[in-house]
C-alpha cells in the first residue's frame, strides 16, 4: 500500500502541548484504544493510575531502563561564533555523533570549546550529524554529566529546570545513554509498579538508547524513501525467557513505550527473539507484522512523525485517527509530559487498505 506523509498528519492546538509534568506521575489521563475488526475502535477515558486494573495476571510489561544523559552543550567555535551541541549518541569512550547548531557549520579539523571547560575536535560529518572527538582524559558520559545540560524536547518552550532532573527520567532509569526520555515510562511510580506486581503481572527490562534523531522530521513525501536513524539496544536473556514463559502461559506481552517496541520487534525480524545487543534502524509502517508485542503503553506523538506511523501500524490507521481526534476534542495533554494511551494490537487479518478515512 502506498503511504505518504499526509496520511499521518493531524491538527493539534498548541495549548495542548504539555510544557511541564503533573505533580504526580501516575495522575495523567489514559486513553484506552481497542481496535475492532470492521468497526470503529472502542475508546475509553481513564486515568493512568488505573492501568494496574487493565493488566491481567500472567501479563508481562517490558520496560526500557535507559537513562537520559546531559547531552546539551553550549560553546564557541575557534572563530568565536556561538555553537550549540546536542549529542546524538556516543560511539566510543571519547567520540560521539552530534547535532551542531551554529550560524555557519564548523569545518572538519576545527575545534569547539564547550561549556567553557574543554575542547572537542570536529572529525567530519556522518549524514546529518557531526563526528566529534572529546578529550581523552575523562570518560565521555562522565564529562557530559559534569558540564552538559538535560535536553528537553524542542516543543517544550523552556530550559530544563531542577525538577526536570528527576521528572524527565523514569523511576527505573539505570543505563545512561539516551538524549530523550522513553516518555511512556514517565507515568509509572513505585506504588503503581507494586500494584501491577500484586495483580500477578511481571516486569522485564531492556535498554534502547534514544537518539536525537527521534525528533528529526520526515523530509520526504514518499515514505519508501525515508531513512531511519540508528539506535542501540540490549535485550537480556532474562527478558527473552520471560517473554517465552508469558507466551506459553497465554499472557500478553505489553511494551511500555515505542522504544521498547522498536527493540523487541527489531530483534525478532530475522527469526525467534534472541538476547543480545545491536543497532536498529527499523521503520515500522502500516502493513508491518508484529512478532512480539500484544499491547502498547505510549504517549501521544507528533504529526507526521515516524512514531505516529508505528502506532498506526499497531492499532490500524483508522483507529489511531479516531483516537487522536477524540484526544484533541477531550483536551488531552500531548507529547513527552502529556497523557498516555493503552493500545491493544489490531487483528492481524485486518487490512489497512480498508481503513475508512475520518
C-alpha atoms as a PDB file:
ATOM      1  CA  UNK A   1       0.000   0.000   0.000  1.00  0.00           C
ATOM      2  CA  UNK A   2       1.265   3.446  -0.958  1.00  0.00           C
ATOM      3  CA  UNK A   3       1.630   5.795   2.007  1.00  0.00           C
ATOM      4  CA  UNK A   4       2.546   9.454   2.094  1.00  0.00           C
ATOM      5  CA  UNK A   5       3.443  11.840   4.879  1.00  0.00           C
ATOM      6  CA  UNK A   6      -0.001  13.450   4.763  1.00  0.00           C
ATOM      7  CA  UNK A   7      -1.583  10.158   5.855  1.00  0.00           C
ATOM      8  CA  UNK A   8      -0.151  10.721   9.345  1.00  0.00           C
ATOM      9  CA  UNK A   9      -0.996  14.375   9.832  1.00  0.00           C
ATOM     10  CA  UNK A  10      -3.495  15.821  12.294  1.00  0.00           C
ATOM     11  CA  UNK A  11      -4.328  19.252  13.689  1.00  0.00           C
ATOM     12  CA  UNK A  12      -3.160  19.911  17.243  1.00  0.00           C
ATOM     13  CA  UNK A  13      -3.881  23.162  19.119  1.00  0.00           C
ATOM     14  CA  UNK A  14      -0.599  24.461  20.541  1.00  0.00           C
ATOM     15  CA  UNK A  15      -2.095  24.824  24.026  1.00  0.00           C
ATOM     16  CA  UNK A  16      -2.469  21.028  24.266  1.00  0.00           C
ATOM     17  CA  UNK A  17       1.310  20.506  24.155  1.00  0.00           C
ATOM     18  CA  UNK A  18       2.280  19.844  27.781  1.00  0.00           C
ATOM     19  CA  UNK A  19       5.071  22.145  28.933  1.00  0.00           C
ATOM     20  CA  UNK A  20       5.582  20.569  32.362  1.00  0.00           C
ATOM     21  CA  UNK A  21       4.696  17.314  34.135  1.00  0.00           C
ATOM     22  CA  UNK A  22       1.781  16.949  36.509  1.00  0.00           C
ATOM     23  CA  UNK A  23       2.646  16.968  40.230  1.00  0.00           C
ATOM     24  CA  UNK A  24       2.151  13.177  40.416  1.00  0.00           C
ATOM     25  CA  UNK A  25       3.493  10.811  37.770  1.00  0.00           C
ATOM     26  CA  UNK A  26       0.520   8.432  37.639  1.00  0.00           C
ATOM     27  CA  UNK A  27      -2.114  11.206  37.679  1.00  0.00           C
ATOM     28  CA  UNK A  28      -2.077  11.610  33.899  1.00  0.00           C
ATOM     29  CA  UNK A  29      -5.086  10.638  31.831  1.00  0.00           C
ATOM     30  CA  UNK A  30      -5.135   7.370  29.912  1.00  0.00           C
ATOM     31  CA  UNK A  31      -6.969   6.827  26.644  1.00  0.00           C
ATOM     32  CA  UNK A  32      -7.750   3.140  26.135  1.00  0.00           C
ATOM     33  CA  UNK A  33      -7.825   2.145  22.447  1.00  0.00           C
ATOM     34  CA  UNK A  34      -9.219  -1.247  21.454  1.00  0.00           C
ATOM     35  CA  UNK A  35      -9.303  -1.781  17.665  1.00  0.00           C
ATOM     36  CA  UNK A  36     -12.326  -3.718  16.382  1.00  0.00           C
ATOM     37  CA  UNK A  37     -12.449  -5.835  13.256  1.00  0.00           C
ATOM     38  CA  UNK A  38     -14.527  -3.996  10.632  1.00  0.00           C
ATOM     39  CA  UNK A  39     -15.759  -1.357  13.087  1.00  0.00           C
ATOM     40  CA  UNK A  40     -14.694   1.801  14.858  1.00  0.00           C
ATOM     41  CA  UNK A  41     -12.353   1.232  17.812  1.00  0.00           C
ATOM     42  CA  UNK A  42     -13.610   1.176  21.366  1.00  0.00           C
ATOM     43  CA  UNK A  43     -12.273   4.255  23.127  1.00  0.00           C
ATOM     44  CA  UNK A  44     -12.309   4.678  26.884  1.00  0.00           C
ATOM     45  CA  UNK A  45     -11.260   7.641  29.019  1.00  0.00           C
ATOM     46  CA  UNK A  46      -9.408   6.599  32.144  1.00  0.00           C
ATOM     47  CA  UNK A  47      -6.528   7.652  34.399  1.00  0.00           C
ATOM     48  CA  UNK A  48      -3.031   6.227  34.269  1.00  0.00           C
ATOM     49  CA  UNK A  49      -3.167   5.063  37.862  1.00  0.00           C
ATOM     50  CA  UNK A  50      -5.906   2.628  36.788  1.00  0.00           C
ATOM     51  CA  UNK A  51      -3.500   0.827  34.442  1.00  0.00           C
ATOM     52  CA  UNK A  52      -2.944  -1.800  37.135  1.00  0.00           C
ATOM     53  CA  UNK A  53      -6.568  -2.898  36.742  1.00  0.00           C
ATOM     54  CA  UNK A  54      -6.093  -3.297  32.969  1.00  0.00           C
ATOM     55  CA  UNK A  55      -3.148  -5.626  33.430  1.00  0.00           C
ATOM     56  CA  UNK A  56      -4.084  -9.291  33.768  1.00  0.00           C
ATOM     57  CA  UNK A  57      -2.414 -11.923  35.948  1.00  0.00           C
ATOM     58  CA  UNK A  58       0.259 -13.543  33.807  1.00  0.00           C
ATOM     59  CA  UNK A  59       0.859 -10.461  31.629  1.00  0.00           C
ATOM     60  CA  UNK A  60       4.410  -9.171  31.154  1.00  0.00           C
ATOM     61  CA  UNK A  61       5.306  -5.478  30.908  1.00  0.00           C
ATOM     62  CA  UNK A  62       8.599  -4.767  29.126  1.00  0.00           C
ATOM     63  CA  UNK A  63      10.270  -1.510  30.180  1.00  0.00           C
ATOM     64  CA  UNK A  64      13.173   0.459  28.709  1.00  0.00           C
ATOM     65  CA  UNK A  65      15.621   1.216  31.532  1.00  0.00           C
ATOM     66  CA  UNK A  66      17.723   3.757  29.633  1.00  0.00           C
ATOM     67  CA  UNK A  67      18.763   6.936  31.443  1.00  0.00           C
ATOM     68  CA  UNK A  68      18.828  10.408  29.858  1.00  0.00           C
ATOM     69  CA  UNK A  69      22.288  11.978  29.816  1.00  0.00           C
ATOM     70  CA  UNK A  70      23.241  15.662  29.988  1.00  0.00           C
ATOM     71  CA  UNK A  71      23.538  15.805  26.225  1.00  0.00           C
ATOM     72  CA  UNK A  72      23.154  19.546  25.530  1.00  0.00           C
ATOM     73  CA  UNK A  73      26.263  21.764  25.491  1.00  0.00           C
ATOM     74  CA  UNK A  74      26.858  25.403  24.575  1.00  0.00           C
ATOM     75  CA  UNK A  75      30.119  26.926  23.483  1.00  0.00           C
ATOM     76  CA  UNK A  76      32.065  28.734  20.786  1.00  0.00           C
ATOM     77  CA  UNK A  77      33.858  27.822  17.589  1.00  0.00           C
ATOM     78  CA  UNK A  78      37.547  28.632  17.230  1.00  0.00           C
ATOM     79  CA  UNK A  79      36.357  31.547  15.072  1.00  0.00           C
ATOM     80  CA  UNK A  80      34.416  32.912  18.053  1.00  0.00           C
ATOM     81  CA  UNK A  81      30.902  32.115  16.795  1.00  0.00           C
ATOM     82  CA  UNK A  82      28.320  30.679  19.174  1.00  0.00           C
ATOM     83  CA  UNK A  83      27.503  26.978  18.924  1.00  0.00           C
ATOM     84  CA  UNK A  84      25.019  24.544  20.482  1.00  0.00           C
ATOM     85  CA  UNK A  85      25.793  20.838  20.529  1.00  0.00           C
ATOM     86  CA  UNK A  86      23.262  18.071  21.119  1.00  0.00           C
ATOM     87  CA  UNK A  87      24.798  14.628  21.403  1.00  0.00           C
ATOM     88  CA  UNK A  88      23.078  12.066  19.189  1.00  0.00           C
ATOM     89  CA  UNK A  89      24.903   9.045  20.596  1.00  0.00           C
ATOM     90  CA  UNK A  90      28.269   8.019  21.951  1.00  0.00           C
ATOM     91  CA  UNK A  91      30.323   5.853  19.589  1.00  0.00           C
ATOM     92  CA  UNK A  92      33.162   5.155  21.984  1.00  0.00           C
ATOM     93  CA  UNK A  93      34.561   6.398  25.296  1.00  0.00           C
ATOM     94  CA  UNK A  94      35.720   9.688  23.750  1.00  0.00           C
ATOM     95  CA  UNK A  95      33.755  10.146  20.499  1.00  0.00           C
ATOM     96  CA  UNK A  96      30.173  10.964  19.639  1.00  0.00           C
ATOM     97  CA  UNK A  97      27.831  11.909  16.819  1.00  0.00           C
ATOM     98  CA  UNK A  98      26.042  15.191  17.467  1.00  0.00           C
ATOM     99  CA  UNK A  99      23.781  17.834  16.043  1.00  0.00           C
ATOM    100  CA  UNK A 100      25.624  21.155  15.889  1.00  0.00           C
ATOM    101  CA  UNK A 101      23.731  24.426  15.563  1.00  0.00           C
ATOM    102  CA  UNK A 102      25.731  27.487  14.502  1.00  0.00           C
ATOM    103  CA  UNK A 103      25.444  30.412  12.107  1.00  0.00           C
ATOM    104  CA  UNK A 104      27.921  28.533   9.888  1.00  0.00           C
ATOM    105  CA  UNK A 105      28.627  24.833  10.152  1.00  0.00           C
ATOM    106  CA  UNK A 106      32.026  24.023  11.678  1.00  0.00           C
ATOM    107  CA  UNK A 107      34.624  22.608   9.301  1.00  0.00           C
ATOM    108  CA  UNK A 108      36.392  19.289   9.583  1.00  0.00           C
ATOM    109  CA  UNK A 109      39.503  19.731  11.689  1.00  0.00           C
ATOM    110  CA  UNK A 110      38.164  22.757  13.576  1.00  0.00           C
ATOM    111  CA  UNK A 111      37.728  22.825  17.335  1.00  0.00           C
ATOM    112  CA  UNK A 112      34.822  23.806  19.559  1.00  0.00           C
ATOM    113  CA  UNK A 113      35.205  24.999  23.140  1.00  0.00           C
ATOM    114  CA  UNK A 114      32.239  23.734  25.106  1.00  0.00           C
ATOM    115  CA  UNK A 115      30.858  24.812  28.498  1.00  0.00           C
ATOM    116  CA  UNK A 116      33.981  26.999  28.804  1.00  0.00           C
ATOM    117  CA  UNK A 117      35.647  23.861  30.126  1.00  0.00           C
ATOM    118  CA  UNK A 118      37.086  21.685  27.336  1.00  0.00           C
ATOM    119  CA  UNK A 119      37.605  21.457  23.584  1.00  0.00           C
ATOM    120  CA  UNK A 120      36.356  18.931  21.050  1.00  0.00           C
ATOM    121  CA  UNK A 121      37.648  18.294  17.539  1.00  0.00           C
ATOM    122  CA  UNK A 122      35.335  18.077  14.528  1.00  0.00           C
ATOM    123  CA  UNK A 123      36.364  14.890  12.718  1.00  0.00           C
ATOM    124  CA  UNK A 124      33.809  15.159   9.906  1.00  0.00           C
ATOM    125  CA  UNK A 125      30.186  14.515   9.005  1.00  0.00           C
ATOM    126  CA  UNK A 126      28.088  11.357   9.193  1.00  0.00           C
ATOM    127  CA  UNK A 127      24.858  12.173   7.397  1.00  0.00           C
ATOM    128  CA  UNK A 128      23.128  14.971   9.302  1.00  0.00           C
ATOM    129  CA  UNK A 129      25.432  14.630  12.306  1.00  0.00           C
ATOM    130  CA  UNK A 130      28.929  15.808  13.168  1.00  0.00           C
ATOM    131  CA  UNK A 131      31.562  13.341  14.357  1.00  0.00           C
ATOM    132  CA  UNK A 132      33.240  14.849  17.418  1.00  0.00           C
ATOM    133  CA  UNK A 133      36.294  13.754  19.432  1.00  0.00           C
ATOM    134  CA  UNK A 134      36.211  14.643  23.126  1.00  0.00           C
ATOM    135  CA  UNK A 135      39.206  14.917  25.486  1.00  0.00           C
ATOM    136  CA  UNK A 136      40.818  11.571  26.284  1.00  0.00           C
ATOM    137  CA  UNK A 137      41.366  12.269  29.968  1.00  0.00           C
ATOM    138  CA  UNK A 138      37.800  11.558  31.072  1.00  0.00           C
ATOM    139  CA  UNK A 139      35.018   9.196  30.006  1.00  0.00           C
ATOM    140  CA  UNK A 140      32.561  10.921  27.669  1.00  0.00           C
ATOM    141  CA  UNK A 141      29.441  10.245  29.751  1.00  0.00           C
ATOM    142  CA  UNK A 142      31.153  11.467  32.927  1.00  0.00           C
ATOM    143  CA  UNK A 143      32.258  14.633  31.104  1.00  0.00           C
ATOM    144  CA  UNK A 144      28.717  15.276  29.894  1.00  0.00           C
ATOM    145  CA  UNK A 145      27.268  14.677  33.348  1.00  0.00           C
ATOM    146  CA  UNK A 146      29.521  17.364  34.825  1.00  0.00           C
ATOM    147  CA  UNK A 147      29.306  20.005  32.089  1.00  0.00           C
ATOM    148  CA  UNK A 148      26.216  19.306  29.975  1.00  0.00           C
ATOM    149  CA  UNK A 149      22.561  20.102  30.479  1.00  0.00           C
ATOM    150  CA  UNK A 150      19.493  17.894  30.381  1.00  0.00           C
ATOM    151  CA  UNK A 151      17.989  18.110  26.855  1.00  0.00           C
ATOM    152  CA  UNK A 152      14.258  18.737  26.848  1.00  0.00           C
ATOM    153  CA  UNK A 153      12.428  18.144  23.548  1.00  0.00           C
ATOM    154  CA  UNK A 154      12.213  21.066  21.088  1.00  0.00           C
ATOM    155  CA  UNK A 155       8.455  21.504  21.591  1.00  0.00           C
ATOM    156  CA  UNK A 156       8.929  22.337  25.294  1.00  0.00           C
ATOM    157  CA  UNK A 157       9.404  26.080  25.230  1.00  0.00           C
ATOM    158  CA  UNK A 158      11.609  26.496  28.282  1.00  0.00           C
ATOM    159  CA  UNK A 159      15.013  25.494  29.577  1.00  0.00           C
ATOM    160  CA  UNK A 160      15.346  22.415  31.767  1.00  0.00           C
ATOM    161  CA  UNK A 161      14.968  23.173  35.470  1.00  0.00           C
ATOM    162  CA  UNK A 162      15.896  21.357  38.639  1.00  0.00           C
ATOM    163  CA  UNK A 163      12.603  19.427  38.727  1.00  0.00           C
ATOM    164  CA  UNK A 164      13.255  18.026  35.241  1.00  0.00           C
ATOM    165  CA  UNK A 165      16.376  16.260  36.529  1.00  0.00           C
ATOM    166  CA  UNK A 166      14.085  13.710  38.165  1.00  0.00           C
ATOM    167  CA  UNK A 167      10.812  14.078  36.240  1.00  0.00           C
ATOM    168  CA  UNK A 168      12.397  13.656  32.790  1.00  0.00           C
ATOM    169  CA  UNK A 169      13.761  10.296  33.982  1.00  0.00           C
ATOM    170  CA  UNK A 170      11.773   7.146  34.671  1.00  0.00           C
ATOM    171  CA  UNK A 171      11.878   5.886  38.266  1.00  0.00           C
ATOM    172  CA  UNK A 172      13.696   2.779  36.984  1.00  0.00           C
ATOM    173  CA  UNK A 173      16.283   4.534  34.759  1.00  0.00           C
ATOM    174  CA  UNK A 174      19.709   2.985  35.254  1.00  0.00           C
ATOM    175  CA  UNK A 175      21.645   2.636  31.968  1.00  0.00           C
ATOM    176  CA  UNK A 176      22.941   6.072  30.809  1.00  0.00           C
ATOM    177  CA  UNK A 177      22.927   6.799  27.082  1.00  0.00           C
ATOM    178  CA  UNK A 178      19.675   8.427  25.890  1.00  0.00           C
ATOM    179  CA  UNK A 179      19.239  12.021  24.800  1.00  0.00           C
ATOM    180  CA  UNK A 180      15.447  11.792  25.124  1.00  0.00           C
ATOM    181  CA  UNK A 181      13.351  10.007  27.720  1.00  0.00           C
ATOM    182  CA  UNK A 182      11.282   6.904  26.937  1.00  0.00           C
ATOM    183  CA  UNK A 183       8.273   9.004  27.859  1.00  0.00           C
ATOM    184  CA  UNK A 184       5.611   6.313  28.321  1.00  0.00           C
ATOM    185  CA  UNK A 185       7.596   5.197  31.340  1.00  0.00           C
ATOM    186  CA  UNK A 186       7.439   8.635  32.967  1.00  0.00           C
ATOM    187  CA  UNK A 187       3.908   7.842  34.203  1.00  0.00           C
ATOM    188  CA  UNK A 188       4.982   4.926  36.396  1.00  0.00           C
ATOM    189  CA  UNK A 189       5.760   5.474  40.071  1.00  0.00           C
ATOM    190  CA  UNK A 190       6.851   2.868  42.587  1.00  0.00           C
ATOM    191  CA  UNK A 191       3.359   2.481  44.039  1.00  0.00           C
ATOM    192  CA  UNK A 192       1.887   1.681  40.605  1.00  0.00           C
ATOM    193  CA  UNK A 193       4.646  -0.840  39.879  1.00  0.00           C
ATOM    194  CA  UNK A 194       3.867  -2.551  43.184  1.00  0.00           C
ATOM    195  CA  UNK A 195       0.142  -2.691  42.373  1.00  0.00           C
ATOM    196  CA  UNK A 196       0.918  -4.249  38.993  1.00  0.00           C
ATOM    197  CA  UNK A 197       3.002  -6.908  40.741  1.00  0.00           C
ATOM    198  CA  UNK A 198       0.172  -7.536  43.198  1.00  0.00           C
ATOM    199  CA  UNK A 199      -2.119  -8.220  40.227  1.00  0.00           C
ATOM    200  CA  UNK A 200       0.107 -11.129  39.274  1.00  0.00           C
ATOM    201  CA  UNK A 201       1.772  -9.444  36.294  1.00  0.00           C
ATOM    202  CA  UNK A 202       5.541  -9.410  35.850  1.00  0.00           C
ATOM    203  CA  UNK A 203       8.076  -6.859  34.633  1.00  0.00           C
ATOM    204  CA  UNK A 204      11.060  -7.306  32.329  1.00  0.00           C
ATOM    205  CA  UNK A 205      13.717  -4.897  31.128  1.00  0.00           C
ATOM    206  CA  UNK A 206      15.656  -3.977  28.041  1.00  0.00           C
ATOM    207  CA  UNK A 207      17.725  -0.960  27.066  1.00  0.00           C
ATOM    208  CA  UNK A 208      17.319   1.183  23.969  1.00  0.00           C
ATOM    209  CA  UNK A 209      19.243   4.453  23.956  1.00  0.00           C
ATOM    210  CA  UNK A 210      17.028   7.080  22.315  1.00  0.00           C
ATOM    211  CA  UNK A 211      18.915   9.313  19.893  1.00  0.00           C
ATOM    212  CA  UNK A 212      18.302  12.928  18.938  1.00  0.00           C
ATOM    213  CA  UNK A 213      17.244  11.609  15.553  1.00  0.00           C
ATOM    214  CA  UNK A 214      13.885  10.738  17.102  1.00  0.00           C
ATOM    215  CA  UNK A 215      12.966  14.437  16.774  1.00  0.00           C
ATOM    216  CA  UNK A 216      14.156  14.795  13.174  1.00  0.00           C
ATOM    217  CA  UNK A 217      11.251  15.460  10.789  1.00  0.00           C
ATOM    218  CA  UNK A 218      10.486  13.139   7.915  1.00  0.00           C
ATOM    219  CA  UNK A 219      11.641  15.144   4.894  1.00  0.00           C
ATOM    220  CA  UNK A 220      10.238  13.034   2.053  1.00  0.00           C
ATOM    221  CA  UNK A 221       6.622  12.661   0.976  1.00  0.00           C
ATOM    222  CA  UNK A 222       7.169   9.116  -0.324  1.00  0.00           C
ATOM    223  CA  UNK A 223       7.763   7.159   2.885  1.00  0.00           C
ATOM    224  CA  UNK A 224       9.543   4.428   0.997  1.00  0.00           C
ATOM    225  CA  UNK A 225      12.436   6.881   0.614  1.00  0.00           C
ATOM    226  CA  UNK A 226      12.788   7.729   4.324  1.00  0.00           C
ATOM    227  CA  UNK A 227      15.984   6.617   6.077  1.00  0.00           C
ATOM    228  CA  UNK A 228      15.516   5.957   9.804  1.00  0.00           C
ATOM    229  CA  UNK A 229      18.105   6.964  12.390  1.00  0.00           C
ATOM    230  CA  UNK A 230      20.038   4.257  14.229  1.00  0.00           C
ATOM    231  CA  UNK A 231      19.581   3.427  17.907  1.00  0.00           C
ATOM    232  CA  UNK A 232      21.490   0.916  20.050  1.00  0.00           C
ATOM    233  CA  UNK A 233      19.652  -1.670  22.137  1.00  0.00           C
ATOM    234  CA  UNK A 234      20.404  -4.522  24.550  1.00  0.00           C
ATOM    235  CA  UNK A 235      17.941  -7.332  25.322  1.00  0.00           C
ATOM    236  CA  UNK A 236      18.959  -9.581  28.247  1.00  0.00           C
ATOM    237  CA  UNK A 237      18.411 -13.329  28.243  1.00  0.00           C
ATOM    238  CA  UNK A 238      16.156 -12.946  31.289  1.00  0.00           C
ATOM    239  CA  UNK A 239      13.776 -10.818  29.222  1.00  0.00           C
ATOM    240  CA  UNK A 240      13.707 -13.288  26.348  1.00  0.00           C
ATOM    241  CA  UNK A 241      12.976 -16.084  28.830  1.00  0.00           C
ATOM    242  CA  UNK A 242      10.209 -14.041  30.488  1.00  0.00           C
ATOM    243  CA  UNK A 243       8.559 -13.380  27.119  1.00  0.00           C
ATOM    244  CA  UNK A 244       8.695 -17.072  26.210  1.00  0.00           C
ATOM    245  CA  UNK A 245       7.182 -18.046  29.565  1.00  0.00           C
ATOM    246  CA  UNK A 246       4.431 -15.443  29.168  1.00  0.00           C
ATOM    247  CA  UNK A 247       3.580 -16.734  25.710  1.00  0.00           C
ATOM    248  CA  UNK A 248       3.500 -20.332  26.918  1.00  0.00           C
ATOM    249  CA  UNK A 249       1.118 -19.419  29.752  1.00  0.00           C
ATOM    250  CA  UNK A 250      -1.225 -17.430  27.498  1.00  0.00           C
ATOM    251  CA  UNK A 251      -0.350 -13.993  28.893  1.00  0.00           C
ATOM    252  CA  UNK A 252       0.130 -10.768  26.982  1.00  0.00           C
ATOM    253  CA  UNK A 253       3.425  -9.018  26.260  1.00  0.00           C
ATOM    254  CA  UNK A 254       2.877  -5.294  26.898  1.00  0.00           C
ATOM    255  CA  UNK A 255       5.567  -2.965  25.515  1.00  0.00           C
ATOM    256  CA  UNK A 256       5.955   0.125  27.673  1.00  0.00           C
ATOM    257  CA  UNK A 257       6.793   2.761  25.090  1.00  0.00           C
ATOM    258  CA  UNK A 258       7.612   2.750  21.411  1.00  0.00           C
ATOM    259  CA  UNK A 259      11.309   2.374  22.302  1.00  0.00           C
ATOM    260  CA  UNK A 260      10.660  -0.998  23.958  1.00  0.00           C
ATOM    261  CA  UNK A 261       8.509  -1.926  20.968  1.00  0.00           C
ATOM    262  CA  UNK A 262      11.252  -0.993  18.483  1.00  0.00           C
ATOM    263  CA  UNK A 263      13.882  -3.030  20.302  1.00  0.00           C
ATOM    264  CA  UNK A 264      11.688  -6.125  20.603  1.00  0.00           C
ATOM    265  CA  UNK A 265      10.422  -6.074  17.036  1.00  0.00           C
ATOM    266  CA  UNK A 266      13.856  -5.308  15.599  1.00  0.00           C
ATOM    267  CA  UNK A 267      15.373  -8.265  17.438  1.00  0.00           C
ATOM    268  CA  UNK A 268      12.615 -10.607  16.197  1.00  0.00           C
ATOM    269  CA  UNK A 269      12.588  -9.707  12.496  1.00  0.00           C
ATOM    270  CA  UNK A 270      15.016 -12.387  11.346  1.00  0.00           C
ATOM    271  CA  UNK A 271      13.693 -15.255  13.453  1.00  0.00           C
ATOM    272  CA  UNK A 272      12.855 -16.059  17.060  1.00  0.00           C
ATOM    273  CA  UNK A 273      13.567 -13.359  19.610  1.00  0.00           C
ATOM    274  CA  UNK A 274      17.108 -13.735  20.934  1.00  0.00           C
ATOM    275  CA  UNK A 275      19.093 -11.991  23.631  1.00  0.00           C
ATOM    276  CA  UNK A 276      21.921  -9.711  22.588  1.00  0.00           C
ATOM    277  CA  UNK A 277      22.788  -6.197  21.524  1.00  0.00           C
ATOM    278  CA  UNK A 278      22.753  -4.353  18.255  1.00  0.00           C
ATOM    279  CA  UNK A 279      21.706  -1.240  16.389  1.00  0.00           C
ATOM    280  CA  UNK A 280      18.349  -0.822  14.750  1.00  0.00           C
ATOM    281  CA  UNK A 281      17.008   1.483  12.080  1.00  0.00           C
ATOM    282  CA  UNK A 282      13.722  -0.396  11.834  1.00  0.00           C
ATOM    283  CA  UNK A 283      10.962   1.677  10.213  1.00  0.00           C
ATOM    284  CA  UNK A 284       7.527   0.421  11.248  1.00  0.00           C
ATOM    285  CA  UNK A 285       4.706   1.375   8.880  1.00  0.00           C
ATOM    286  CA  UNK A 286       1.144   0.063   8.420  1.00  0.00           C
ATOM    287  CA  UNK A 287       1.430  -3.410   6.966  1.00  0.00           C
ATOM    288  CA  UNK A 288       4.223  -4.363   9.384  1.00  0.00           C
ATOM    289  CA  UNK A 289       3.711  -7.765  11.038  1.00  0.00           C
ATOM    290  CA  UNK A 290       4.394  -7.567  14.755  1.00  0.00           C
ATOM    291  CA  UNK A 291       6.098 -10.596  16.268  1.00  0.00           C
ATOM    292  CA  UNK A 292       6.298  -9.838  19.992  1.00  0.00           C
ATOM    293  CA  UNK A 293       4.031  -7.165  21.481  1.00  0.00           C
ATOM    294  CA  UNK A 294       0.316  -7.659  22.132  1.00  0.00           C
ATOM    295  CA  UNK A 295      -0.339  -4.266  23.717  1.00  0.00           C
ATOM    296  CA  UNK A 296       1.409  -0.926  23.973  1.00  0.00           C
ATOM    297  CA  UNK A 297       1.587   1.860  26.534  1.00  0.00           C
ATOM    298  CA  UNK A 298       2.555   5.078  24.771  1.00  0.00           C
ATOM    299  CA  UNK A 299       2.240   8.843  24.851  1.00  0.00           C
ATOM    300  CA  UNK A 300       0.741  10.905  22.029  1.00  0.00           C
ATOM    301  CA  UNK A 301       3.101  11.601  19.134  1.00  0.00           C
ATOM    302  CA  UNK A 302       3.883  14.463  16.784  1.00  0.00           C
ATOM    303  CA  UNK A 303       2.002  14.801  13.498  1.00  0.00           C
ATOM    304  CA  UNK A 304       3.807  13.238  10.528  1.00  0.00           C
ATOM    305  CA  UNK A 305       6.328  11.521  12.824  1.00  0.00           C
ATOM    306  CA  UNK A 306       7.681   8.004  12.477  1.00  0.00           C
ATOM    307  CA  UNK A 307       6.142   7.215  15.869  1.00  0.00           C
ATOM    308  CA  UNK A 308       2.691   8.159  14.537  1.00  0.00           C
ATOM    309  CA  UNK A 309       3.396   5.651  11.785  1.00  0.00           C
ATOM    310  CA  UNK A 310       4.385   2.986  14.321  1.00  0.00           C
ATOM    311  CA  UNK A 311       1.210   3.287  16.409  1.00  0.00           C
ATOM    312  CA  UNK A 312      -0.860   3.389  13.215  1.00  0.00           C
ATOM    313  CA  UNK A 313       0.730   0.092  12.192  1.00  0.00           C
ATOM    314  CA  UNK A 314      -0.022  -1.403  15.607  1.00  0.00           C
ATOM    315  CA  UNK A 315      -3.640  -0.271  16.037  1.00  0.00           C
ATOM    316  CA  UNK A 316      -4.666   0.432  12.453  1.00  0.00           C
ATOM    317  CA  UNK A 317      -4.727   3.824  10.755  1.00  0.00           C
ATOM    318  CA  UNK A 318      -8.435   4.386  11.252  1.00  0.00           C
ATOM    319  CA  UNK A 319      -8.229   3.517  14.952  1.00  0.00           C
ATOM    320  CA  UNK A 320      -5.405   5.980  15.519  1.00  0.00           C
ATOM    321  CA  UNK A 321      -7.106   8.757  13.550  1.00  0.00           C
ATOM    322  CA  UNK A 322     -10.223   8.342  15.660  1.00  0.00           C
ATOM    323  CA  UNK A 323      -8.261   8.066  18.900  1.00  0.00           C
ATOM    324  CA  UNK A 324      -6.304  11.258  18.223  1.00  0.00           C
ATOM    325  CA  UNK A 325      -9.426  13.157  17.166  1.00  0.00           C
ATOM    326  CA  UNK A 326     -11.050  12.062  20.438  1.00  0.00           C
ATOM    327  CA  UNK A 327      -7.984  13.082  22.448  1.00  0.00           C
ATOM    328  CA  UNK A 328      -7.932  16.564  20.906  1.00  0.00           C
ATOM    329  CA  UNK A 329     -11.679  17.008  21.445  1.00  0.00           C
ATOM    330  CA  UNK A 330     -11.358  15.888  25.087  1.00  0.00           C
ATOM    331  CA  UNK A 331      -8.374  18.173  25.705  1.00  0.00           C
ATOM    332  CA  UNK A 332      -5.800  15.506  26.493  1.00  0.00           C
ATOM    333  CA  UNK A 333      -2.239  16.736  27.093  1.00  0.00           C
ATOM    334  CA  UNK A 334       0.216  15.829  24.324  1.00  0.00           C
ATOM    335  CA  UNK A 335       3.824  14.689  23.894  1.00  0.00           C
ATOM    336  CA  UNK A 336       6.575  13.995  26.431  1.00  0.00           C
ATOM    337  CA  UNK A 337       4.988  15.444  29.574  1.00  0.00           C
ATOM    338  CA  UNK A 338       1.456  14.734  28.377  1.00  0.00           C
ATOM    339  CA  UNK A 339      -1.074  11.961  28.798  1.00  0.00           C
ATOM    340  CA  UNK A 340      -0.888   8.365  27.589  1.00  0.00           C
ATOM    341  CA  UNK A 341      -2.663   5.636  25.648  1.00  0.00           C
ATOM    342  CA  UNK A 342      -3.081   1.914  26.273  1.00  0.00           C
ATOM    343  CA  UNK A 343      -3.459   0.242  22.870  1.00  0.00           C
ATOM    344  CA  UNK A 344      -4.220  -3.380  22.131  1.00  0.00           C
ATOM    345  CA  UNK A 345      -2.919  -4.732  18.840  1.00  0.00           C
ATOM    346  CA  UNK A 346      -5.294  -4.873  15.904  1.00  0.00           C
ATOM    347  CA  UNK A 347      -6.313  -8.225  14.461  1.00  0.00           C
ATOM    348  CA  UNK A 348      -3.553  -9.271  12.066  1.00  0.00           C
ATOM    349  CA  UNK A 349      -6.134 -10.182   9.408  1.00  0.00           C
ATOM    350  CA  UNK A 350      -7.311  -6.581   9.278  1.00  0.00           C
ATOM    351  CA  UNK A 351      -6.279  -4.876   6.059  1.00  0.00           C
ATOM    352  CA  UNK A 352      -5.163  -1.269   6.452  1.00  0.00           C
ATOM    353  CA  UNK A 353      -6.127  -0.652   2.847  1.00  0.00           C
ATOM    354  CA  UNK A 354      -9.749  -0.953   4.053  1.00  0.00           C
ATOM    355  CA  UNK A 355      -9.368   1.643   6.815  1.00  0.00           C
ATOM    356  CA  UNK A 356     -12.003   4.287   6.333  1.00  0.00           C
ATOM    357  CA  UNK A 357     -10.837   7.881   6.262  1.00  0.00           C
ATOM    358  CA  UNK A 358     -12.014  10.046   9.137  1.00  0.00           C
END
